C-alpha atoms as a PDB file:
ATOM      1  CA  MET A   1     119.565 109.123 130.603  1.00  0.00           C
ATOM      2  CA  ARG A   2     116.785 106.586 131.068  1.00  0.00           C
ATOM      3  CA  LEU A   3     114.248 108.953 129.540  1.00  0.00           C
ATOM      4  CA  THR A   4     116.443 109.426 126.458  1.00  0.00           C
ATOM      5  CA  LEU A   5     116.861 105.671 126.070  1.00  0.00           C
ATOM      6  CA  LEU A   6     113.116 105.110 126.474  1.00  0.00           C
ATOM      7  CA  LEU A   7     112.282 107.787 123.888  1.00  0.00           C
ATOM      8  CA  THR A   8     114.792 106.325 121.429  1.00  0.00           C
ATOM      9  CA  ILE A   9     113.283 102.850 121.797  1.00  0.00           C
ATOM     10  CA  LEU A  10     109.743 104.186 121.355  1.00  0.00           C
ATOM     11  CA  LEU A  11     110.671 106.163 118.246  1.00  0.00           C
ATOM     12  CA  CYS A  12     112.372 103.164 116.676  1.00  0.00           C
ATOM     13  CA  ALA A  13     109.423 100.914 117.511  1.00  0.00           C
ATOM     14  CA  CYS A  14     107.000 103.355 115.902  1.00  0.00           C
ATOM     15  CA  GLU A  15     109.038 103.755 112.736  1.00  0.00           C
ATOM     16  CA  SER A  16     107.155 102.806 109.603  1.00  0.00           C
ATOM     17  CA  SER A  17     108.647  99.776 107.924  1.00  0.00           C
ATOM     18  CA  ASN A  18     107.874  98.027 104.674  1.00  0.00           C
ATOM     19  CA  VAL A  19     107.012  94.466 105.686  1.00  0.00           C
ATOM     20  CA  ASN A  20     106.891  93.474 102.027  1.00  0.00           C
ATOM     21  CA  TYR A  21     110.405  94.646 101.164  1.00  0.00           C
ATOM     22  CA  ASN A  22     111.697  92.858  98.101  1.00  0.00           C
ATOM     23  CA  PRO A  23     114.403  94.268  95.788  1.00  0.00           C
ATOM     24  CA  TYR A  24     112.763  92.675  92.716  1.00  0.00           C
ATOM     25  CA  ILE A  25     109.247  94.048  93.280  1.00  0.00           C
ATOM     26  CA  PRO A  26     108.579  97.795  93.566  1.00  0.00           C
ATOM     27  CA  ASN A  27     106.318  98.958  96.373  1.00  0.00           C
ATOM     28  CA  LEU A  28     103.388 100.372  94.366  1.00  0.00           C
ATOM     29  CA  LYS A  29     100.442 102.075  95.997  1.00  0.00           C
ATOM     30  CA  PHE A  30      97.057 100.953  94.686  1.00  0.00           C
ATOM     31  CA  ASP A  31      93.500 100.517  95.894  1.00  0.00           C
ATOM     32  CA  LYS A  32      91.035  98.246  94.061  1.00  0.00           C
ATOM     33  CA  THR A  33      87.534  97.255  95.164  1.00  0.00           C
ATOM     34  CA  ILE A  34      85.785  94.320  93.494  1.00  0.00           C
ATOM     35  CA  ASN A  35      82.253  92.967  93.728  1.00  0.00           C
ATOM     36  CA  LEU A  36      82.448  89.316  94.827  1.00  0.00           C
ATOM     37  CA  ASP A  37      78.912  88.708  93.509  1.00  0.00           C
ATOM     38  CA  LEU A  38      80.158  88.912  89.910  1.00  0.00           C
ATOM     39  CA  PRO A  39      80.571  85.516  88.185  1.00  0.00           C
ATOM     40  CA  LEU A  40      84.227  86.331  87.461  1.00  0.00           C
ATOM     41  CA  TYR A  41      84.987  85.832  91.179  1.00  0.00           C
ATOM     42  CA  ASP A  42      82.974  82.650  91.796  1.00  0.00           C
ATOM     43  CA  ASP A  43      86.117  80.562  92.374  1.00  0.00           C
ATOM     44  CA  ILE A  44      87.101  82.496  95.504  1.00  0.00           C
ATOM     45  CA  LYS A  45      83.738  81.915  97.151  1.00  0.00           C
ATOM     46  CA  PHE A  46      84.989  78.468  98.151  1.00  0.00           C
ATOM     47  CA  SER A  47      87.927  77.423 100.314  1.00  0.00           C
ATOM     48  CA  SER A  48      91.142  76.947  98.292  1.00  0.00           C
ATOM     49  CA  GLY A  49      89.700  78.814  95.307  1.00  0.00           C
ATOM     50  CA  SER A  50      91.826  81.381  93.504  1.00  0.00           C
ATOM     51  CA  VAL A  51      91.381  84.164  90.945  1.00  0.00           C
ATOM     52  CA  GLU A  52      93.801  86.438  89.076  1.00  0.00           C
ATOM     53  CA  LEU A  53      93.353  90.217  89.121  1.00  0.00           C
ATOM     54  CA  ILE A  54      95.072  91.572  86.011  1.00  0.00           C
ATOM     55  CA  GLY A  55      96.188  95.193  85.902  1.00  0.00           C
ATOM     56  CA  VAL A  56      96.540  95.532  89.673  1.00  0.00           C
ATOM     57  CA  GLY A  57      99.833  95.444  91.564  1.00  0.00           C
ATOM     58  CA  VAL A  58     103.059  95.049  89.589  1.00  0.00           C
ATOM     59  CA  CYS A  59     102.463  91.833  87.589  1.00  0.00           C
ATOM     60  CA  GLY A  60      98.912  91.164  88.712  1.00  0.00           C
ATOM     61  CA  ILE A  61      97.453  89.779  91.919  1.00  0.00           C
ATOM     62  CA  VAL A  62      96.214  86.339  92.881  1.00  0.00           C
ATOM     63  CA  LEU A  63      93.316  86.223  95.320  1.00  0.00           C
ATOM     64  CA  PHE A  64      93.093  83.029  97.379  1.00  0.00           C
ATOM     65  CA  ASN A  65      90.340  81.855  99.718  1.00  0.00           C
ATOM     66  CA  PHE A  66      92.010  80.386 102.808  1.00  0.00           C
ATOM     67  CA  ASN A  67      89.213  78.985 104.988  1.00  0.00           C
ATOM     68  CA  GLY A  68      87.011  82.013 104.316  1.00  0.00           C
ATOM     69  CA  ASP A  69      89.769  84.643 104.491  1.00  0.00           C
ATOM     70  CA  ILE A  70      90.693  86.195 101.145  1.00  0.00           C
ATOM     71  CA  LEU A  71      94.460  86.592 100.777  1.00  0.00           C
ATOM     72  CA  ALA A  72      96.044  88.738  98.054  1.00  0.00           C
ATOM     73  CA  TRP A  73      99.496  87.879  96.646  1.00  0.00           C
ATOM     74  CA  GLU A  74     101.659  89.718  94.119  1.00  0.00           C
ATOM     75  CA  GLN A  75     102.075  87.632  90.971  1.00  0.00           C
ATOM     76  CA  CYS A  76     105.666  88.740  90.207  1.00  0.00           C
ATOM     77  CA  PRO A  77     108.375  86.160  90.914  1.00  0.00           C
ATOM     78  CA  PRO A  78     109.828  87.219  94.290  1.00  0.00           C
ATOM     79  CA  ASN A  79     113.325  85.761  93.805  1.00  0.00           C
ATOM     80  CA  HIS A  80     114.437  87.177  90.451  1.00  0.00           C
ATOM     81  CA  ALA A  81     113.841  90.173  88.250  1.00  0.00           C
ATOM     82  CA  VAL A  82     110.794  90.104  85.996  1.00  0.00           C
ATOM     83  CA  ASN A  83     111.685  89.567  82.356  1.00  0.00           C
ATOM     84  CA  SER A  84     109.843  88.790  79.132  1.00  0.00           C
ATOM     85  CA  SER A  85     110.559  85.062  79.351  1.00  0.00           C
ATOM     86  CA  CYS A  86     109.222  84.865  82.920  1.00  0.00           C
ATOM     87  CA  PRO A  87     106.715  87.697  83.399  1.00  0.00           C
ATOM     88  CA  LYS A  88     104.636  86.284  86.278  1.00  0.00           C
ATOM     89  CA  LEU A  89     103.881  83.275  88.454  1.00  0.00           C
ATOM     90  CA  ASN A  90     101.190  80.819  87.369  1.00  0.00           C
ATOM     91  CA  ILE A  91      98.404  79.357  89.487  1.00  0.00           C
ATOM     92  CA  SER A  92      98.892  75.631  89.997  1.00  0.00           C
ATOM     93  CA  GLY A  93      96.201  74.361  92.379  1.00  0.00           C
ATOM     94  CA  VAL A  94      96.940  75.872  95.799  1.00  0.00           C
ATOM     95  CA  GLN A  95     100.387  77.016  94.701  1.00  0.00           C
ATOM     96  CA  LEU A  96     102.027  79.573  92.449  1.00  0.00           C
ATOM     97  CA  SER A  97     104.762  78.252  90.184  1.00  0.00           C
ATOM     98  CA  CYS A  98     107.640  79.948  88.395  1.00  0.00           C
ATOM     99  CA  GLU A  99     108.375  78.463  84.968  1.00  0.00           C
ATOM    100  CA  CYS A 100     111.923  79.902  84.941  1.00  0.00           C
ATOM    101  CA  THR A 101     113.197  78.555  88.250  1.00  0.00           C
ATOM    102  CA  GLN A 102     110.655  75.770  88.935  1.00  0.00           C
ATOM    103  CA  ASN A 103     110.009  77.363  92.346  1.00  0.00           C
ATOM    104  CA  LEU A 104     106.676  76.644  94.027  1.00  0.00           C
ATOM    105  CA  TYR A 105     105.047  79.016  96.519  1.00  0.00           C
ATOM    106  CA  SER A 106     102.148  78.306  98.877  1.00  0.00           C
ATOM    107  CA  LEU A 107      99.039  80.413  98.319  1.00  0.00           C
ATOM    108  CA  ALA A 108      98.092  79.794 101.969  1.00  0.00           C
ATOM    109  CA  THR A 109     101.335  81.125 103.500  1.00  0.00           C
ATOM    110  CA  GLY A 110     103.311  82.747 100.681  1.00  0.00           C
ATOM    111  CA  GLN A 111     106.357  80.664 101.563  1.00  0.00           C
ATOM    112  CA  LEU A 112     108.709  79.033  99.084  1.00  0.00           C
ATOM    113  CA  LEU A 113     108.026  75.280  99.102  1.00  0.00           C
ATOM    114  CA  ASN A 114     111.082  74.009  97.205  1.00  0.00           C
ATOM    115  CA  ASN A 115     114.293  76.000  97.403  1.00  0.00           C
ATOM    116  CA  ILE A 116     115.953  74.393  94.385  1.00  0.00           C
ATOM    117  CA  ASN A 117     119.058  76.561  94.006  1.00  0.00           C
ATOM    118  CA  HIS A 118     119.254  77.608  97.699  1.00  0.00           C
ATOM    119  CA  ASN A 119     119.687  81.284  96.766  1.00  0.00           C
ATOM    120  CA  ASN A 120     116.013  82.099  97.120  1.00  0.00           C
ATOM    121  CA  LYS A 121     115.187  84.056 100.220  1.00  0.00           C
ATOM    122  CA  TYR A 122     111.999  85.982  99.513  1.00  0.00           C
ATOM    123  CA  PRO A 123     108.420  84.784 100.042  1.00  0.00           C
ATOM    124  CA  LEU A 124     105.472  86.066  98.015  1.00  0.00           C
ATOM    125  CA  VAL A 125     104.536  89.708  98.592  1.00  0.00           C
ATOM    126  CA  ARG A 126     101.185  89.922 100.365  1.00  0.00           C
ATOM    127  CA  TYR A 127      98.764  92.808 100.004  1.00  0.00           C
ATOM    128  CA  ARG A 128      96.047  93.920 102.385  1.00  0.00           C
ATOM    129  CA  THR A 129      92.396  92.988 101.954  1.00  0.00           C
ATOM    130  CA  ASP A 130      89.194  94.205 103.625  1.00  0.00           C
ATOM    131  CA  ARG A 131      85.899  92.435 103.054  1.00  0.00           C
ATOM    132  CA  VAL A 132      82.605  94.221 103.672  1.00  0.00           C
ATOM    133  CA  GLY A 133      79.542  92.321 102.521  1.00  0.00           C
ATOM    134  CA  SER A 134      80.054  91.390  98.888  1.00  0.00           C
ATOM    135  CA  SER A 135      82.819  93.955  98.329  1.00  0.00           C
ATOM    136  CA  LEU A 136      86.505  93.164  98.638  1.00  0.00           C
ATOM    137  CA  ARG A 137      89.066  95.954  98.869  1.00  0.00           C
ATOM    138  CA  VAL A 138      92.641  95.026  97.858  1.00  0.00           C
ATOM    139  CA  TYR A 139      95.274  97.658  98.550  1.00  0.00           C
ATOM    140  CA  ASN A 140      98.862  98.478  99.415  1.00  0.00           C
END
């Protein structure tokens, strides 16, 4: 009995889960490597700098330098469906803003900073990054 319980717990603990689950943003698989030495990416060489990667992810990706760590965030609004009047979030300093809902999200944590209508429950979707020398791999 104890062995069965232990095996059940281990199997459940090892189950693959989608940490980035969000009903508004599909879970796309992608793998993009960029050269950070290119002038296009100069802004993320410094703390609090950000750059958009267009054509990657669902609506694009925002790269953000958080004290030397490069974070990658999905640019789709996480709390409503993407539509033509509100296709993506916009960079506003160290935040992403949604023109439709006026929501603000932290580029450092991905969290919603102002829950205006109190129905918002999803943070930004974060993607994985690996930095080796001057190359940055962004993937899901």
